[in-house]
Protein backbone atom coordinates (compact mmCIF):
# COMPACT_ATOMS: atom_id res chain seq x y z
CA MET A 1 -0.41 -0.27 -0.12
CA SER A 2 1.64 3.64 -0.88
CA LYS A 3 1.92 6.09 1.29
CA LEU A 4 -1.07 8.22 -0.35
CA GLN A 5 -3.36 5.21 -0.48
CA ALA A 6 -2.44 4.85 3.72
CA SER A 7 -3.34 8.67 4.23
CA PHE A 8 -6.57 7.92 2.10
CA GLU A 9 -7.65 5.41 4.46
CA LYS A 10 -6.73 7.30 7.88
CA ALA A 11 -8.78 10.39 6.26
CA ALA A 12 -11.40 8.20 5.70
CA ASP A 13 -12.11 6.95 9.37
CA ASP A 14 -10.90 10.79 10.49
CA ILE A 15 -13.94 11.66 9.42
CA LYS A 16 -16.05 9.54 11.05
CA LYS A 17 -14.67 10.90 14.38
CA LEU A 18 -15.26 14.85 13.37
CA PRO A 19 -16.98 16.51 16.27
CA GLU A 20 -19.65 18.19 14.54
CA ARG A 21 -21.35 17.14 10.91
CA PRO A 22 -20.11 18.77 7.94
CA ASP A 23 -22.86 21.58 5.40
CA ASN A 24 -24.44 19.19 2.78
CA ASP A 25 -22.26 20.98 0.16
CA THR A 26 -19.25 19.70 2.32
CA LEU A 27 -20.45 16.20 2.41
CA LEU A 28 -20.99 16.41 -1.36
CA LYS A 29 -17.63 17.08 -2.14
CA LEU A 30 -16.07 14.64 0.23
CA TYR A 31 -18.40 11.59 -0.89
CA ALA A 32 -16.95 12.47 -4.74
CA LEU A 33 -13.30 12.70 -3.77
CA TYR A 34 -13.94 9.35 -1.97
CA LYS A 35 -15.59 8.31 -4.99
CA GLN A 36 -12.96 9.14 -7.44
CA GLY A 37 -10.40 8.20 -5.16
CA ALA A 38 -11.09 5.13 -4.49
CA ASP A 39 -12.67 4.11 -7.36
CA GLY A 40 -12.01 6.18 -10.54
CA ASP A 41 -14.31 8.25 -12.99
CA VAL A 42 -17.83 7.53 -11.79
CA SER A 43 -20.16 4.02 -13.03
CA GLY A 44 -23.36 2.90 -13.48
CA PRO A 45 -26.58 4.16 -14.27
CA LYS A 46 -27.62 7.48 -12.84
CA PRO A 47 -30.64 7.07 -9.89
CA GLY A 48 -34.14 7.75 -10.81
CA PHE A 49 -36.00 11.20 -10.71
CA PHE A 50 -36.81 10.99 -7.37
CA ASP A 51 -33.63 9.64 -5.71
CA PHE A 52 -32.88 12.90 -5.04
CA VAL A 53 -29.81 11.57 -2.66
CA GLY A 54 -28.68 9.69 -4.75
CA THR A 55 -29.00 12.09 -7.25
CA ALA A 56 -26.78 14.27 -5.85
CA LYS A 57 -24.32 12.05 -5.16
CA TYR A 58 -24.26 10.62 -8.93
CA GLU A 59 -23.47 14.08 -10.33
CA ALA A 60 -21.28 15.55 -7.83
CA TRP A 61 -18.95 12.34 -8.59
CA ALA A 62 -19.74 12.86 -12.61
CA LYS A 63 -18.41 16.39 -12.15
CA LEU A 64 -14.84 15.18 -11.18
CA LYS A 65 -14.32 12.71 -14.09
CA GLY A 66 -11.00 12.29 -15.41
CA THR A 67 -9.48 13.37 -12.46
CA ALA A 68 -6.75 11.34 -11.45
CA GLN A 69 -7.36 8.71 -8.46
CA GLU A 70 -4.04 10.26 -6.71
CA GLU A 71 -4.93 13.73 -7.14
CA ALA A 72 -8.50 13.03 -5.69
CA MET A 73 -6.94 11.27 -2.67
CA GLN A 74 -4.46 13.94 -2.10
CA LYS A 75 -8.26 16.57 -2.32
CA TYR A 76 -10.11 14.40 -0.23
CA ILE A 77 -6.85 13.87 2.46
CA ASP A 78 -6.54 17.94 2.63
CA LEU A 79 -10.25 18.82 3.01
CA VAL A 80 -10.56 15.96 5.78
CA ALA A 81 -7.52 17.80 7.48
CA LYS A 82 -9.03 20.84 7.10
CA LEU A 83 -12.22 20.34 8.75
CA ARG A 84 -10.03 18.53 11.76
CA ALA A 85 -8.53 21.83 12.55
């Protein structure tokens, strides 16, 4: 496991320990960066029209299409560090 991968997994664990829940925009950004870092470009069908949360998550992830997984991991790590500060 690379140092970046280890830091990414630690950040994913650290996010669960935040004293307060981030706002919805920040949560979407975290979700999208995590998915891009872990899985790469968006895949699978877009959720149905009435699945508002699923659609928002899918669209946030889709905006990162083409972003390198390593870059997404680093941005995720940086955002989690900022939230913990």
